[in-house]
Protein backbone atom coordinates (compact mmCIF):
# COMPACT_ATOMS: atom_id res chain seq x y z
CA UNK A 1 0.00 0.00 0.00
CA UNK A 2 1.41 3.42 -0.92
CA UNK A 3 2.38 5.68 1.96
CA UNK A 4 -0.15 8.42 2.73
CA UNK A 5 1.22 11.74 1.49
CA UNK A 6 -0.01 15.21 2.25
CA UNK A 7 1.11 18.25 0.27
CA UNK A 8 1.22 21.10 2.78
CA UNK A 9 2.40 24.08 0.74
CA UNK A 10 3.02 24.99 -2.90
CA UNK A 11 5.32 27.86 -3.86
CA UNK A 12 6.17 28.99 -7.35
CA UNK A 13 9.93 29.29 -7.80
CA UNK A 14 12.15 30.44 -10.65
CA UNK A 15 11.95 27.25 -12.76
CA UNK A 16 8.91 25.48 -11.35
CA UNK A 17 7.38 24.81 -7.95
CA UNK A 18 8.49 23.87 -4.44
CA UNK A 19 6.24 21.73 -2.28
CA UNK A 20 6.49 20.92 1.38
CA UNK A 21 4.90 17.63 2.26
CA UNK A 22 4.96 14.80 4.69
CA UNK A 23 4.49 11.09 4.26
CA UNK A 24 3.37 8.64 6.89
CA UNK A 25 5.98 5.95 7.38
CA UNK A 26 5.04 2.29 8.04
CA UNK A 27 5.80 2.72 11.75
CA UNK A 28 3.53 5.79 11.86
CA UNK A 29 6.17 8.51 11.98
CA UNK A 30 5.87 11.54 9.70
CA UNK A 31 8.62 12.04 7.15
CA UNK A 32 8.86 15.75 6.27
CA UNK A 33 10.00 16.44 2.71
CA UNK A 34 10.56 19.34 0.38
CA UNK A 35 10.16 18.49 -3.30
CA UNK A 36 10.99 20.72 -6.24
CA UNK A 37 9.21 20.12 -9.54
CA UNK A 38 10.63 21.85 -12.60
CA UNK A 39 8.49 23.07 -15.44
CA UNK A 40 10.40 20.64 -17.69
CA UNK A 41 9.49 17.63 -15.53
CA UNK A 42 5.89 18.81 -15.24
CA UNK A 43 5.66 19.06 -19.05
CA UNK A 44 7.36 15.67 -19.46
CA UNK A 45 4.98 13.86 -17.10
CA UNK A 46 1.84 15.83 -17.91
CA UNK A 47 2.25 17.10 -21.49
CA UNK A 48 -1.41 18.03 -21.86
CA UNK A 49 -1.37 20.15 -18.68
CA UNK A 50 -4.49 18.37 -17.39
CA UNK A 51 -3.20 17.80 -13.83
CA UNK A 52 -2.34 20.53 -11.35
CA UNK A 53 1.34 20.79 -10.38
CA UNK A 54 0.57 19.48 -6.87
CA UNK A 55 -0.89 16.27 -8.34
CA UNK A 56 2.24 15.75 -10.44
CA UNK A 57 4.47 16.43 -7.43
CA UNK A 58 2.46 13.99 -5.30
CA UNK A 59 2.65 11.31 -7.98
CA UNK A 60 6.42 11.72 -8.31
CA UNK A 61 6.90 11.72 -4.55
CA UNK A 62 4.73 8.64 -4.15
CA UNK A 63 6.76 6.83 -6.83
CA UNK A 64 10.03 7.83 -5.14
CA UNK A 65 8.83 6.64 -1.73
CA UNK A 66 7.57 3.32 -3.11
CA UNK A 67 10.80 2.60 -5.00
CA UNK A 68 13.53 3.94 -2.73
CA UNK A 69 14.26 0.56 -1.19
CA UNK A 70 16.57 0.98 1.79
CA UNK A 71 17.83 4.37 0.59
CA UNK A 72 17.52 7.25 3.01
CA UNK A 73 16.02 10.22 1.22
CA UNK A 74 17.30 13.72 1.80
CA UNK A 75 14.77 16.09 3.36
CA UNK A 76 14.96 18.16 0.17
CA UNK A 77 14.90 16.57 -3.27
CA UNK A 78 14.04 17.21 -6.86
CA UNK A 79 11.24 15.31 -8.60
CA UNK A 80 13.72 14.17 -11.25
CA UNK A 81 15.24 12.00 -8.52
CA UNK A 82 12.64 9.41 -9.58
CA UNK A 83 14.30 8.74 -12.93
CA UNK A 84 17.67 8.37 -11.21
CA UNK A 85 16.18 5.59 -9.08
CA UNK A 86 14.85 3.68 -12.07
CA UNK A 87 14.45 4.36 -15.81
CA UNK A 88 10.81 3.21 -15.68
CA UNK A 89 9.86 6.11 -13.41
CA UNK A 90 8.90 8.47 -16.23
CA UNK A 91 6.46 5.99 -17.77
CA UNK A 92 4.95 5.06 -14.40
CA UNK A 93 4.48 8.65 -13.24
CA UNK A 94 2.99 9.68 -16.58
CA UNK A 95 0.59 6.70 -16.43
CA UNK A 96 -0.48 7.58 -12.89
CA UNK A 97 -1.57 11.00 -14.18
CA UNK A 98 -3.70 9.64 -16.99
CA UNK A 99 -7.18 11.18 -16.91
CA UNK A 100 -8.58 7.64 -16.81
CA UNK A 101 -6.77 7.06 -13.51
CA UNK A 102 -8.13 10.20 -11.84
CA UNK A 103 -11.53 10.42 -10.13
C-alpha atoms as a PDB file:
ATOM      1  CA  UNK A   1       0.000   0.000   0.000  1.00  0.00           C
ATOM      2  CA  UNK A   2       1.410   3.424  -0.925  1.00  0.00           C
ATOM      3  CA  UNK A   3       2.380   5.678   1.956  1.00  0.00           C
ATOM      4  CA  UNK A   4      -0.148   8.424   2.732  1.00  0.00           C
ATOM      5  CA  UNK A   5       1.222  11.736   1.489  1.00  0.00           C
ATOM      6  CA  UNK A   6      -0.012  15.212   2.251  1.00  0.00           C
ATOM      7  CA  UNK A   7       1.108  18.246   0.270  1.00  0.00           C
ATOM      8  CA  UNK A   8       1.222  21.097   2.781  1.00  0.00           C
ATOM      9  CA  UNK A   9       2.399  24.083   0.738  1.00  0.00           C
ATOM     10  CA  UNK A  10       3.023  24.989  -2.897  1.00  0.00           C
ATOM     11  CA  UNK A  11       5.318  27.859  -3.856  1.00  0.00           C
ATOM     12  CA  UNK A  12       6.170  28.994  -7.352  1.00  0.00           C
ATOM     13  CA  UNK A  13       9.930  29.290  -7.797  1.00  0.00           C
ATOM     14  CA  UNK A  14      12.153  30.436 -10.647  1.00  0.00           C
ATOM     15  CA  UNK A  15      11.954  27.248 -12.756  1.00  0.00           C
ATOM     16  CA  UNK A  16       8.911  25.481 -11.348  1.00  0.00           C
ATOM     17  CA  UNK A  17       7.384  24.807  -7.945  1.00  0.00           C
ATOM     18  CA  UNK A  18       8.493  23.871  -4.443  1.00  0.00           C
ATOM     19  CA  UNK A  19       6.240  21.731  -2.279  1.00  0.00           C
ATOM     20  CA  UNK A  20       6.486  20.922   1.381  1.00  0.00           C
ATOM     21  CA  UNK A  21       4.895  17.631   2.256  1.00  0.00           C
ATOM     22  CA  UNK A  22       4.956  14.798   4.685  1.00  0.00           C
ATOM     23  CA  UNK A  23       4.495  11.090   4.259  1.00  0.00           C
ATOM     24  CA  UNK A  24       3.369   8.645   6.887  1.00  0.00           C
ATOM     25  CA  UNK A  25       5.977   5.947   7.376  1.00  0.00           C
ATOM     26  CA  UNK A  26       5.036   2.291   8.042  1.00  0.00           C
ATOM     27  CA  UNK A  27       5.805   2.718  11.755  1.00  0.00           C
ATOM     28  CA  UNK A  28       3.528   5.789  11.860  1.00  0.00           C
ATOM     29  CA  UNK A  29       6.168   8.515  11.982  1.00  0.00           C
ATOM     30  CA  UNK A  30       5.865  11.539   9.703  1.00  0.00           C
ATOM     31  CA  UNK A  31       8.622  12.036   7.148  1.00  0.00           C
ATOM     32  CA  UNK A  32       8.861  15.751   6.274  1.00  0.00           C
ATOM     33  CA  UNK A  33      10.004  16.436   2.708  1.00  0.00           C
ATOM     34  CA  UNK A  34      10.556  19.339   0.376  1.00  0.00           C
ATOM     35  CA  UNK A  35      10.157  18.487  -3.298  1.00  0.00           C
ATOM     36  CA  UNK A  36      10.991  20.720  -6.242  1.00  0.00           C
ATOM     37  CA  UNK A  37       9.209  20.124  -9.536  1.00  0.00           C
ATOM     38  CA  UNK A  38      10.626  21.853 -12.596  1.00  0.00           C
ATOM     39  CA  UNK A  39       8.485  23.067 -15.445  1.00  0.00           C
ATOM     40  CA  UNK A  40      10.400  20.642 -17.686  1.00  0.00           C
ATOM     41  CA  UNK A  41       9.491  17.630 -15.530  1.00  0.00           C
ATOM     42  CA  UNK A  42       5.888  18.809 -15.242  1.00  0.00           C
ATOM     43  CA  UNK A  43       5.661  19.056 -19.049  1.00  0.00           C
ATOM     44  CA  UNK A  44       7.361  15.671 -19.460  1.00  0.00           C
ATOM     45  CA  UNK A  45       4.980  13.864 -17.096  1.00  0.00           C
ATOM     46  CA  UNK A  46       1.837  15.831 -17.908  1.00  0.00           C
ATOM     47  CA  UNK A  47       2.247  17.101 -21.491  1.00  0.00           C
ATOM     48  CA  UNK A  48      -1.414  18.028 -21.860  1.00  0.00           C
ATOM     49  CA  UNK A  49      -1.368  20.146 -18.675  1.00  0.00           C
ATOM     50  CA  UNK A  50      -4.486  18.374 -17.385  1.00  0.00           C
ATOM     51  CA  UNK A  51      -3.201  17.798 -13.833  1.00  0.00           C
ATOM     52  CA  UNK A  52      -2.342  20.534 -11.353  1.00  0.00           C
ATOM     53  CA  UNK A  53       1.344  20.785 -10.380  1.00  0.00           C
ATOM     54  CA  UNK A  54       0.573  19.482  -6.874  1.00  0.00           C
ATOM     55  CA  UNK A  55      -0.887  16.269  -8.344  1.00  0.00           C
ATOM     56  CA  UNK A  56       2.239  15.754 -10.443  1.00  0.00           C
ATOM     57  CA  UNK A  57       4.466  16.426  -7.427  1.00  0.00           C
ATOM     58  CA  UNK A  58       2.460  13.991  -5.297  1.00  0.00           C
ATOM     59  CA  UNK A  59       2.653  11.311  -7.980  1.00  0.00           C
ATOM     60  CA  UNK A  60       6.422  11.718  -8.309  1.00  0.00           C
ATOM     61  CA  UNK A  61       6.896  11.725  -4.548  1.00  0.00           C
ATOM     62  CA  UNK A  62       4.726   8.637  -4.149  1.00  0.00           C
ATOM     63  CA  UNK A  63       6.764   6.834  -6.826  1.00  0.00           C
ATOM     64  CA  UNK A  64      10.032   7.833  -5.139  1.00  0.00           C
ATOM     65  CA  UNK A  65       8.834   6.635  -1.728  1.00  0.00           C
ATOM     66  CA  UNK A  66       7.572   3.320  -3.108  1.00  0.00           C
ATOM     67  CA  UNK A  67      10.803   2.598  -5.004  1.00  0.00           C
ATOM     68  CA  UNK A  68      13.531   3.943  -2.733  1.00  0.00           C
ATOM     69  CA  UNK A  69      14.261   0.555  -1.193  1.00  0.00           C
ATOM     70  CA  UNK A  70      16.571   0.983   1.786  1.00  0.00           C
ATOM     71  CA  UNK A  71      17.825   4.372   0.587  1.00  0.00           C
ATOM     72  CA  UNK A  72      17.516   7.247   3.015  1.00  0.00           C
ATOM     73  CA  UNK A  73      16.019  10.222   1.216  1.00  0.00           C
ATOM     74  CA  UNK A  74      17.295  13.719   1.803  1.00  0.00           C
ATOM     75  CA  UNK A  75      14.772  16.094   3.362  1.00  0.00           C
ATOM     76  CA  UNK A  76      14.955  18.163   0.167  1.00  0.00           C
ATOM     77  CA  UNK A  77      14.896  16.566  -3.267  1.00  0.00           C
ATOM     78  CA  UNK A  78      14.040  17.214  -6.862  1.00  0.00           C
ATOM     79  CA  UNK A  79      11.244  15.305  -8.599  1.00  0.00           C
ATOM     80  CA  UNK A  80      13.715  14.166 -11.255  1.00  0.00           C
ATOM     81  CA  UNK A  81      15.238  11.996  -8.515  1.00  0.00           C
ATOM     82  CA  UNK A  82      12.637   9.415  -9.577  1.00  0.00           C
ATOM     83  CA  UNK A  83      14.300   8.741 -12.927  1.00  0.00           C
ATOM     84  CA  UNK A  84      17.669   8.374 -11.209  1.00  0.00           C
ATOM     85  CA  UNK A  85      16.181   5.588  -9.078  1.00  0.00           C
ATOM     86  CA  UNK A  86      14.848   3.679 -12.074  1.00  0.00           C
ATOM     87  CA  UNK A  87      14.452   4.357 -15.806  1.00  0.00           C
ATOM     88  CA  UNK A  88      10.810   3.208 -15.683  1.00  0.00           C
ATOM     89  CA  UNK A  89       9.857   6.108 -13.406  1.00  0.00           C
ATOM     90  CA  UNK A  90       8.898   8.466 -16.230  1.00  0.00           C
ATOM     91  CA  UNK A  91       6.460   5.987 -17.766  1.00  0.00           C
ATOM     92  CA  UNK A  92       4.951   5.056 -14.401  1.00  0.00           C
ATOM     93  CA  UNK A  93       4.482   8.648 -13.236  1.00  0.00           C
ATOM     94  CA  UNK A  94       2.987   9.677 -16.576  1.00  0.00           C
ATOM     95  CA  UNK A  95       0.589   6.697 -16.434  1.00  0.00           C
ATOM     96  CA  UNK A  96      -0.482   7.578 -12.895  1.00  0.00           C
ATOM     97  CA  UNK A  97      -1.566  10.997 -14.180  1.00  0.00           C
ATOM     98  CA  UNK A  98      -3.701   9.639 -16.985  1.00  0.00           C
ATOM     99  CA  UNK A  99      -7.185  11.179 -16.914  1.00  0.00           C
ATOM    100  CA  UNK A 100      -8.577   7.637 -16.814  1.00  0.00           C
ATOM    101  CA  UNK A 101      -6.771   7.056 -13.506  1.00  0.00           C
ATOM    102  CA  UNK A 102      -8.131  10.201 -11.838  1.00  0.00           C
ATOM    103  CA  UNK A 103     -11.526  10.422 -10.125  1.00  0.00           C
END
